[in-house]
Amino acid sequence: MTGQERAALRKQANTLSPITQIGKDGISDNLIRTVEEAIDKRGLIKLSVLESADMTAQEAAAAIAARSGAEVIQCIGRKLVLYRERKEES
């Protein structure tokens, strides 16, 4: 992904609300399932990491991206943005 593409995605993410929160339970199979469903539908999603979580937004983003095949676009504070190209519907 080029820097221009990443910048365009960051700009789009500014208006998004987090679809879910990562809390003290961390990254569960249910969370990954929720993320994958949302990212299949939207392509670009934002998540929030609660203070009670035992990980930072960067750690959570890396773990979710590894399990879902998404790409980390940005992490700011306790928010993270992930992107995965949507599959063409046939």
PDB file of N, CA and C in Angstrom:
ATOM      1  N   MET A   1       0.851  -1.170   0.000  1.00  0.00           N
ATOM      2  CA  MET A   1       0.000   0.000   0.000  1.00  0.00           C
ATOM      3  C   MET A   1       0.902   1.241   0.000  1.00  0.00           C
ATOM      4  N   THR A   2       0.535   2.195  -0.835  1.00  0.00           N
ATOM      5  CA  THR A   2       1.345   3.407  -0.930  1.00  0.00           C
ATOM      6  C   THR A   2       0.988   4.372   0.193  1.00  0.00           C
ATOM      7  N   GLY A   3       1.838   5.335   0.387  1.00  0.00           N
ATOM      8  CA  GLY A   3       1.597   6.352   1.403  1.00  0.00           C
ATOM      9  C   GLY A   3       0.338   7.169   1.107  1.00  0.00           C
ATOM     10  N   GLN A   4       0.085   7.439  -0.188  1.00  0.00           N
ATOM     11  CA  GLN A   4      -1.109   8.193  -0.567  1.00  0.00           C
ATOM     12  C   GLN A   4      -2.378   7.402  -0.264  1.00  0.00           C
ATOM     13  N   GLU A   5      -2.348   6.101  -0.532  1.00  0.00           N
ATOM     14  CA  GLU A   5      -3.510   5.251  -0.238  1.00  0.00           C
ATOM     15  C   GLU A   5      -3.774   5.213   1.265  1.00  0.00           C
ATOM     16  N   ARG A   6      -2.702   5.052   2.026  1.00  0.00           N
ATOM     17  CA  ARG A   6      -2.824   5.021   3.486  1.00  0.00           C
ATOM     18  C   ARG A   6      -3.368   6.352   4.015  1.00  0.00           C
ATOM     19  N   ALA A   7      -2.895   7.465   3.472  1.00  0.00           N
ATOM     20  CA  ALA A   7      -3.365   8.792   3.892  1.00  0.00           C
ATOM     21  C   ALA A   7      -4.850   8.969   3.580  1.00  0.00           C
ATOM     22  N   ALA A   8      -5.283   8.476   2.424  1.00  0.00           N
ATOM     23  CA  ALA A   8      -6.695   8.570   2.057  1.00  0.00           C
ATOM     24  C   ALA A   8      -7.556   7.748   3.017  1.00  0.00           C
ATOM     25  N   LEU A   9      -7.078   6.570   3.411  1.00  0.00           N
ATOM     26  CA  LEU A   9      -7.815   5.732   4.357  1.00  0.00           C
ATOM     27  C   LEU A   9      -7.865   6.377   5.741  1.00  0.00           C
ATOM     28  N   ARG A  10      -6.771   7.002   6.161  1.00  0.00           N
ATOM     29  CA  ARG A  10      -6.762   7.700   7.459  1.00  0.00           C
ATOM     30  C   ARG A  10      -7.792   8.830   7.443  1.00  0.00           C
ATOM     31  N   LYS A  11      -7.879   9.527   6.326  1.00  0.00           N
ATOM     32  CA  LYS A  11      -8.846  10.621   6.200  1.00  0.00           C
ATOM     33  C   LYS A  11     -10.275  10.088   6.314  1.00  0.00           C
ATOM     34  N   GLN A  12     -10.565   8.979   5.652  1.00  0.00           N
ATOM     35  CA  GLN A  12     -11.896   8.365   5.731  1.00  0.00           C
ATOM     36  C   GLN A  12     -12.211   7.913   7.150  1.00  0.00           C
ATOM     37  N   ALA A  13     -11.198   7.420   7.855  1.00  0.00           N
ATOM     38  CA  ALA A  13     -11.393   6.874   9.201  1.00  0.00           C
ATOM     39  C   ALA A  13     -11.739   7.956  10.220  1.00  0.00           C
ATOM     40  N   ASN A  14     -11.420   9.203   9.931  1.00  0.00           N
ATOM     41  CA  ASN A  14     -11.711  10.291  10.873  1.00  0.00           C
ATOM     42  C   ASN A  14     -13.187  10.375  11.227  1.00  0.00           C
ATOM     43  N   THR A  15     -14.043  10.048  10.291  1.00  0.00           N
ATOM     44  CA  THR A  15     -15.480  10.172  10.522  1.00  0.00           C
ATOM     45  C   THR A  15     -16.113   8.894  11.081  1.00  0.00           C
ATOM     46  N   LEU A  16     -15.349   7.819  11.164  1.00  0.00           N
ATOM     47  CA  LEU A  16     -15.892   6.548  11.650  1.00  0.00           C
ATOM     48  C   LEU A  16     -16.013   6.533  13.172  1.00  0.00           C
ATOM     49  N   SER A  17     -17.001   5.797  13.640  1.00  0.00           N
ATOM     50  CA  SER A  17     -17.129   5.514  15.069  1.00  0.00           C
ATOM     51  C   SER A  17     -16.618   4.097  15.294  1.00  0.00           C
ATOM     52  N   PRO A  18     -16.054   3.819  16.462  1.00  0.00           N
ATOM     53  CA  PRO A  18     -15.580   2.458  16.730  1.00  0.00           C
ATOM     54  C   PRO A  18     -16.734   1.453  16.672  1.00  0.00           C
ATOM     55  N   ILE A  19     -16.499   0.318  16.011  1.00  0.00           N
ATOM     56  CA  ILE A  19     -17.550  -0.696  15.895  1.00  0.00           C
ATOM     57  C   ILE A  19     -17.653  -1.549  17.150  1.00  0.00           C
ATOM     58  N   THR A  20     -16.552  -1.670  17.887  1.00  0.00           N
ATOM     59  CA  THR A  20     -16.549  -2.455  19.121  1.00  0.00           C
ATOM     60  C   THR A  20     -15.373  -2.019  19.984  1.00  0.00           C
ATOM     61  N   GLN A  21     -15.354  -2.549  21.211  1.00  0.00           N
ATOM     62  CA  GLN A  21     -14.290  -2.200  22.150  1.00  0.00           C
ATOM     63  C   GLN A  21     -13.556  -3.455  22.588  1.00  0.00           C
ATOM     64  N   ILE A  22     -12.285  -3.292  22.842  1.00  0.00           N
ATOM     65  CA  ILE A  22     -11.458  -4.384  23.361  1.00  0.00           C
ATOM     66  C   ILE A  22     -11.253  -4.099  24.835  1.00  0.00           C
ATOM     67  N   GLY A  23     -11.694  -5.011  25.673  1.00  0.00           N
ATOM     68  CA  GLY A  23     -11.621  -4.806  27.117  1.00  0.00           C
ATOM     69  C   GLY A  23     -10.721  -5.795  27.803  1.00  0.00           C
ATOM     70  N   LYS A  24     -11.028  -6.089  29.059  1.00  0.00           N
ATOM     71  CA  LYS A  24     -10.170  -6.947  29.872  1.00  0.00           C
ATOM     72  C   LYS A  24     -10.096  -8.382  29.352  1.00  0.00           C
ATOM     73  N   ASP A  25     -11.091  -8.806  28.553  1.00  0.00           N
ATOM     74  CA  ASP A  25     -11.068 -10.156  27.989  1.00  0.00           C
ATOM     75  C   ASP A  25     -10.086 -10.281  26.829  1.00  0.00           C
ATOM     76  N   GLY A  26      -9.612  -9.168  26.332  1.00  0.00           N
ATOM     77  CA  GLY A  26      -8.627  -9.184  25.254  1.00  0.00           C
ATOM     78  C   GLY A  26      -9.237  -9.548  23.912  1.00  0.00           C
ATOM     79  N   ILE A  27      -8.459 -10.244  23.113  1.00  0.00           N
ATOM     80  CA  ILE A  27      -8.871 -10.576  21.752  1.00  0.00           C
ATOM     81  C   ILE A  27      -9.367 -12.017  21.725  1.00  0.00           C
ATOM     82  N   SER A  28     -10.670 -12.155  21.733  1.00  0.00           N
ATOM     83  CA  SER A  28     -11.296 -13.479  21.746  1.00  0.00           C
ATOM     84  C   SER A  28     -11.676 -13.887  20.322  1.00  0.00           C
ATOM     85  N   ASP A  29     -12.054 -15.143  20.174  1.00  0.00           N
ATOM     86  CA  ASP A  29     -12.523 -15.619  18.871  1.00  0.00           C
ATOM     87  C   ASP A  29     -13.774 -14.858  18.446  1.00  0.00           C
ATOM     88  N   ASN A  30     -14.629 -14.526  19.411  1.00  0.00           N
ATOM     89  CA  ASN A  30     -15.846 -13.777  19.117  1.00  0.00           C
ATOM     90  C   ASN A  30     -15.511 -12.380  18.584  1.00  0.00           C
ATOM     91  N   LEU A  31     -14.518 -11.726  19.175  1.00  0.00           N
ATOM     92  CA  LEU A  31     -14.097 -10.408  18.707  1.00  0.00           C
ATOM     93  C   LEU A  31     -13.565 -10.496  17.279  1.00  0.00           C
ATOM     94  N   ILE A  32     -12.741 -11.501  17.003  1.00  0.00           N
ATOM     95  CA  ILE A  32     -12.190 -11.678  15.652  1.00  0.00           C
ATOM     96  C   ILE A  32     -13.323 -11.906  14.652  1.00  0.00           C
ATOM     97  N   ARG A  33     -14.310 -12.705  15.026  1.00  0.00           N
ATOM     98  CA  ARG A  33     -15.465 -12.963  14.160  1.00  0.00           C
ATOM     99  C   ARG A  33     -16.215 -11.649  13.874  1.00  0.00           C
ATOM    100  N   THR A  34     -16.421 -10.837  14.901  1.00  0.00           N
ATOM    101  CA  THR A  34     -17.092  -9.546  14.743  1.00  0.00           C
ATOM    102  C   THR A  34     -16.300  -8.633  13.812  1.00  0.00           C
ATOM    103  N   VAL A  35     -14.990  -8.577  14.022  1.00  0.00           N
ATOM    104  CA  VAL A  35     -14.113  -7.737  13.191  1.00  0.00           C
ATOM    105  C   VAL A  35     -14.161  -8.203  11.739  1.00  0.00           C
ATOM    106  N   GLU A  36     -14.078  -9.513  11.523  1.00  0.00           N
ATOM    107  CA  GLU A  36     -14.076 -10.023  10.150  1.00  0.00           C
ATOM    108  C   GLU A  36     -15.396  -9.734   9.439  1.00  0.00           C
ATOM    109  N   GLU A  37     -16.507  -9.880  10.146  1.00  0.00           N
ATOM    110  CA  GLU A  37     -17.807  -9.569   9.541  1.00  0.00           C
ATOM    111  C   GLU A  37     -17.898  -8.090   9.169  1.00  0.00           C
ATOM    112  N   ALA A  38     -17.456  -7.235  10.074  1.00  0.00           N
ATOM    113  CA  ALA A  38     -17.511  -5.792   9.825  1.00  0.00           C
ATOM    114  C   ALA A  38     -16.579  -5.384   8.695  1.00  0.00           C
ATOM    115  N   ILE A  39     -15.397  -5.946   8.676  1.00  0.00           N
ATOM    116  CA  ILE A  39     -14.419  -5.561   7.658  1.00  0.00           C
ATOM    117  C   ILE A  39     -14.810  -6.101   6.287  1.00  0.00           C
ATOM    118  N   ASP A  40     -15.506  -7.253   6.255  1.00  0.00           N
ATOM    119  CA  ASP A  40     -16.015  -7.764   4.982  1.00  0.00           C
ATOM    120  C   ASP A  40     -17.076  -6.831   4.420  1.00  0.00           C
ATOM    121  N   LYS A  41     -17.880  -6.263   5.303  1.00  0.00           N
ATOM    122  CA  LYS A  41     -18.962  -5.364   4.903  1.00  0.00           C
ATOM    123  C   LYS A  41     -18.445  -3.985   4.519  1.00  0.00           C
ATOM    124  N   ARG A  42     -17.529  -3.446   5.327  1.00  0.00           N
ATOM    125  CA  ARG A  42     -17.119  -2.039   5.189  1.00  0.00           C
ATOM    126  C   ARG A  42     -15.745  -1.830   4.578  1.00  0.00           C
ATOM    127  N   GLY A  43     -14.821  -2.747   4.806  1.00  0.00           N
ATOM    128  CA  GLY A  43     -13.459  -2.589   4.318  1.00  0.00           C
ATOM    129  C   GLY A  43     -12.567  -1.833   5.285  1.00  0.00           C
ATOM    130  N   LEU A  44     -13.094  -0.781   5.891  1.00  0.00           N
ATOM    131  CA  LEU A  44     -12.337   0.063   6.809  1.00  0.00           C
ATOM    132  C   LEU A  44     -13.110   0.155   8.124  1.00  0.00           C
ATOM    133  N   ILE A  45     -12.452  -0.197   9.225  1.00  0.00           N
ATOM    134  CA  ILE A  45     -13.128  -0.162  10.526  1.00  0.00           C
ATOM    135  C   ILE A  45     -12.243   0.476  11.588  1.00  0.00           C
ATOM    136  N   LYS A  46     -12.911   0.977  12.622  1.00  0.00           N
ATOM    137  CA  LYS A  46     -12.213   1.574  13.760  1.00  0.00           C
ATOM    138  C   LYS A  46     -12.620   0.804  15.010  1.00  0.00           C
ATOM    139  N   LEU A  47     -11.658   0.549  15.894  1.00  0.00           N
ATOM    140  CA  LEU A  47     -11.884  -0.129  17.160  1.00  0.00           C
ATOM    141  C   LEU A  47     -11.325   0.721  18.287  1.00  0.00           C
ATOM    142  N   SER A  48     -11.823   0.477  19.481  1.00  0.00           N
ATOM    143  CA  SER A  48     -11.374   1.204  20.658  1.00  0.00           C
ATOM    144  C   SER A  48     -10.838   0.201  21.682  1.00  0.00           C
ATOM    145  N   VAL A  49      -9.744   0.546  22.329  1.00  0.00           N
ATOM    146  CA  VAL A  49      -9.166  -0.291  23.381  1.00  0.00           C
ATOM    147  C   VAL A  49      -9.441   0.389  24.722  1.00  0.00           C
ATOM    148  N   LEU A  50     -10.167  -0.297  25.595  1.00  0.00           N
ATOM    149  CA  LEU A  50     -10.498   0.263  26.897  1.00  0.00           C
ATOM    150  C   LEU A  50      -9.279   0.279  27.815  1.00  0.00           C
ATOM    151  N   GLU A  51      -9.318   1.127  28.822  1.00  0.00           N
ATOM    152  CA  GLU A  51      -8.210   1.195  29.782  1.00  0.00           C
ATOM    153  C   GLU A  51      -8.052  -0.093  30.569  1.00  0.00           C
ATOM    154  N   SER A  52      -9.137  -0.858  30.706  1.00  0.00           N
ATOM    155  CA  SER A  52      -9.072  -2.115  31.453  1.00  0.00           C
ATOM    156  C   SER A  52      -8.385  -3.234  30.662  1.00  0.00           C
ATOM    157  N   ALA A  53      -8.150  -3.023  29.378  1.00  0.00           N
ATOM    158  CA  ALA A  53      -7.475  -4.028  28.554  1.00  0.00           C
ATOM    159  C   ALA A  53      -6.018  -4.141  28.978  1.00  0.00           C
ATOM    160  N   ASP A  54      -5.491  -5.340  28.857  1.00  0.00           N
ATOM    161  CA  ASP A  54      -4.101  -5.571  29.239  1.00  0.00           C
ATOM    162  C   ASP A  54      -3.142  -5.402  28.068  1.00  0.00           C
ATOM    163  N   MET A  55      -3.535  -4.572  27.083  1.00  0.00           N
ATOM    164  CA  MET A  55      -2.685  -4.336  25.922  1.00  0.00           C
ATOM    165  C   MET A  55      -2.889  -2.920  25.405  1.00  0.00           C
ATOM    166  N   THR A  56      -1.927  -2.469  24.631  1.00  0.00           N
ATOM    167  CA  THR A  56      -2.030  -1.150  24.009  1.00  0.00           C
ATOM    168  C   THR A  56      -2.779  -1.279  22.682  1.00  0.00           C
ATOM    169  N   ALA A  57      -3.132  -0.157  22.109  1.00  0.00           N
ATOM    170  CA  ALA A  57      -3.805  -0.170  20.808  1.00  0.00           C
ATOM    171  C   ALA A  57      -2.895  -0.778  19.738  1.00  0.00           C
ATOM    172  N   GLN A  58      -1.599  -0.495  19.819  1.00  0.00           N
ATOM    173  CA  GLN A  58      -0.649  -1.034  18.843  1.00  0.00           C
ATOM    174  C   GLN A  58      -0.573  -2.559  18.946  1.00  0.00           C
ATOM    175  N   GLU A  59      -0.528  -3.074  20.162  1.00  0.00           N
ATOM    176  CA  GLU A  59      -0.472  -4.528  20.363  1.00  0.00           C
ATOM    177  C   GLU A  59      -1.765  -5.182  19.874  1.00  0.00           C
ATOM    178  N   ALA A  60      -2.888  -4.578  20.197  1.00  0.00           N
ATOM    179  CA  ALA A  60      -4.181  -5.114  19.769  1.00  0.00           C
ATOM    180  C   ALA A  60      -4.293  -5.089  18.244  1.00  0.00           C
ATOM    181  N   ALA A  61      -3.882  -3.997  17.632  1.00  0.00           N
ATOM    182  CA  ALA A  61      -3.953  -3.872  16.178  1.00  0.00           C
ATOM    183  C   ALA A  61      -3.113  -4.947  15.497  1.00  0.00           C
ATOM    184  N   ALA A  62      -1.902  -5.160  15.992  1.00  0.00           N
ATOM    185  CA  ALA A  62      -1.026  -6.167  15.400  1.00  0.00           C
ATOM    186  C   ALA A  62      -1.622  -7.566  15.540  1.00  0.00           C
ATOM    187  N   ALA A  63      -2.171  -7.882  16.704  1.00  0.00           N
ATOM    188  CA  ALA A  63      -2.748  -9.202  16.946  1.00  0.00           C
ATOM    189  C   ALA A  63      -3.985  -9.440  16.078  1.00  0.00           C
ATOM    190  N   ILE A  64      -4.859  -8.440  15.996  1.00  0.00           N
ATOM    191  CA  ILE A  64      -6.076  -8.587  15.188  1.00  0.00           C
ATOM    192  C   ILE A  64      -5.721  -8.675  13.710  1.00  0.00           C
ATOM    193  N   ALA A  65      -4.793  -7.852  13.262  1.00  0.00           N
ATOM    194  CA  ALA A  65      -4.385  -7.867  11.859  1.00  0.00           C
ATOM    195  C   ALA A  65      -3.798  -9.231  11.480  1.00  0.00           C
ATOM    196  N   ALA A  66      -3.012  -9.815  12.356  1.00  0.00           N
ATOM    197  CA  ALA A  66      -2.408 -11.119  12.089  1.00  0.00           C
ATOM    198  C   ALA A  66      -3.473 -12.207  11.970  1.00  0.00           C
ATOM    199  N   ARG A  67      -4.501 -12.141  12.791  1.00  0.00           N
ATOM    200  CA  ARG A  67      -5.540 -13.176  12.790  1.00  0.00           C
ATOM    201  C   ARG A  67      -6.605 -12.966  11.725  1.00  0.00           C
ATOM    202  N   SER A  68      -6.800 -11.728  11.277  1.00  0.00           N
ATOM    203  CA  SER A  68      -7.881 -11.454  10.333  1.00  0.00           C
ATOM    204  C   SER A  68      -7.405 -11.165   8.909  1.00  0.00           C
ATOM    205  N   GLY A  69      -6.115 -10.990   8.735  1.00  0.00           N
ATOM    206  CA  GLY A  69      -5.599 -10.672   7.409  1.00  0.00           C
ATOM    207  C   GLY A  69      -5.779  -9.212   7.031  1.00  0.00           C
ATOM    208  N   ALA A  70      -6.107  -8.378   8.006  1.00  0.00           N
ATOM    209  CA  ALA A  70      -6.296  -6.949   7.757  1.00  0.00           C
ATOM    210  C   ALA A  70      -4.955  -6.222   7.862  1.00  0.00           C
ATOM    211  N   GLU A  71      -4.942  -4.987   7.436  1.00  0.00           N
ATOM    212  CA  GLU A  71      -3.752  -4.146   7.513  1.00  0.00           C
ATOM    213  C   GLU A  71      -4.004  -3.016   8.501  1.00  0.00           C
ATOM    214  N   VAL A  72      -3.032  -2.748   9.346  1.00  0.00           N
ATOM    215  CA  VAL A  72      -3.151  -1.656  10.318  1.00  0.00           C
ATOM    216  C   VAL A  72      -2.910  -0.347   9.576  1.00  0.00           C
ATOM    217  N   ILE A  73      -3.884   0.557   9.658  1.00  0.00           N
ATOM    218  CA  ILE A  73      -3.769   1.859   9.002  1.00  0.00           C
ATOM    219  C   ILE A  73      -3.205   2.886   9.968  1.00  0.00           C
ATOM    220  N   GLN A  74      -3.734   2.907  11.196  1.00  0.00           N
ATOM    221  CA  GLN A  74      -3.195   3.836  12.189  1.00  0.00           C
ATOM    222  C   GLN A  74      -3.644   3.440  13.587  1.00  0.00           C
ATOM    223  N   CYS A  75      -2.860   3.873  14.566  1.00  0.00           N
ATOM    224  CA  CYS A  75      -3.201   3.748  15.980  1.00  0.00           C
ATOM    225  C   CYS A  75      -2.956   5.117  16.605  1.00  0.00           C
ATOM    226  N   ILE A  76      -4.001   5.673  17.183  1.00  0.00           N
ATOM    227  CA  ILE A  76      -3.877   6.962  17.860  1.00  0.00           C
ATOM    228  C   ILE A  76      -4.521   6.814  19.226  1.00  0.00           C
ATOM    229  N   GLY A  77      -3.727   7.002  20.257  1.00  0.00           N
ATOM    230  CA  GLY A  77      -4.247   6.841  21.610  1.00  0.00           C
ATOM    231  C   GLY A  77      -4.769   5.441  21.823  1.00  0.00           C
ATOM    232  N   ARG A  78      -6.048   5.321  22.126  1.00  0.00           N
ATOM    233  CA  ARG A  78      -6.676   4.015  22.358  1.00  0.00           C
ATOM    234  C   ARG A  78      -7.553   3.577  21.191  1.00  0.00           C
ATOM    235  N   LYS A  79      -7.417   4.236  20.055  1.00  0.00           N
ATOM    236  CA  LYS A  79      -8.179   3.894  18.853  1.00  0.00           C
ATOM    237  C   LYS A  79      -7.249   3.281  17.806  1.00  0.00           C
ATOM    238  N   LEU A  80      -7.798   2.335  17.048  1.00  0.00           N
ATOM    239  CA  LEU A  80      -7.026   1.740  15.969  1.00  0.00           C
ATOM    240  C   LEU A  80      -7.913   1.582  14.746  1.00  0.00           C
ATOM    241  N   VAL A  81      -7.305   1.656  13.587  1.00  0.00           N
ATOM    242  CA  VAL A  81      -8.023   1.561  12.323  1.00  0.00           C
ATOM    243  C   VAL A  81      -7.404   0.425  11.516  1.00  0.00           C
ATOM    244  N   LEU A  82      -8.284  -0.451  11.006  1.00  0.00           N
ATOM    245  CA  LEU A  82      -7.859  -1.589  10.198  1.00  0.00           C
ATOM    246  C   LEU A  82      -8.529  -1.526   8.840  1.00  0.00           C
ATOM    247  N   TYR A  83      -7.843  -2.082   7.835  1.00  0.00           N
ATOM    248  CA  TYR A  83      -8.379  -2.099   6.476  1.00  0.00           C
ATOM    249  C   TYR A  83      -8.072  -3.442   5.842  1.00  0.00           C
ATOM    250  N   ARG A  84      -9.034  -3.926   5.104  1.00  0.00           N
ATOM    251  CA  ARG A  84      -8.815  -5.097   4.259  1.00  0.00           C
ATOM    252  C   ARG A  84      -9.662  -4.884   3.011  1.00  0.00           C
ATOM    253  N   GLU A  85      -9.063  -5.111   1.864  1.00  0.00           N
ATOM    254  CA  GLU A  85      -9.800  -4.918   0.619  1.00  0.00           C
ATOM    255  C   GLU A  85     -11.000  -5.853   0.587  1.00  0.00           C
ATOM    256  N   ARG A  86     -12.125  -5.278   0.243  1.00  0.00           N
ATOM    257  CA  ARG A  86     -13.362  -6.066   0.219  1.00  0.00           C
ATOM    258  C   ARG A  86     -13.367  -6.995  -0.975  1.00  0.00           C
ATOM    259  N   LYS A  87     -13.918  -8.189  -0.763  1.00  0.00           N
ATOM    260  CA  LYS A  87     -14.028  -9.164  -1.853  1.00  0.00           C
ATOM    261  C   LYS A  87     -15.180  -8.753  -2.750  1.00  0.00           C
ATOM    262  N   GLU A  88     -14.969  -8.941  -4.044  1.00  0.00           N
ATOM    263  CA  GLU A  88     -16.022  -8.624  -5.010  1.00  0.00           C
ATOM    264  C   GLU A  88     -17.152  -9.622  -4.879  1.00  0.00           C
ATOM    265  N   GLU A  89     -18.375  -9.121  -4.833  1.00  0.00           N
ATOM    266  CA  GLU A  89     -19.534 -10.005  -4.767  1.00  0.00           C
ATOM    267  C   GLU A  89     -19.882 -10.441  -6.166  1.00  0.00           C
ATOM    268  N   SER A  90     -20.117 -11.751  -6.331  1.00  0.00           N
ATOM    269  CA  SER A  90     -20.436 -12.256  -7.672  1.00  0.00           C
ATOM    270  C   SER A  90     -21.870 -12.701  -7.793  1.00  0.00           C
TER     271      SER A  90
END
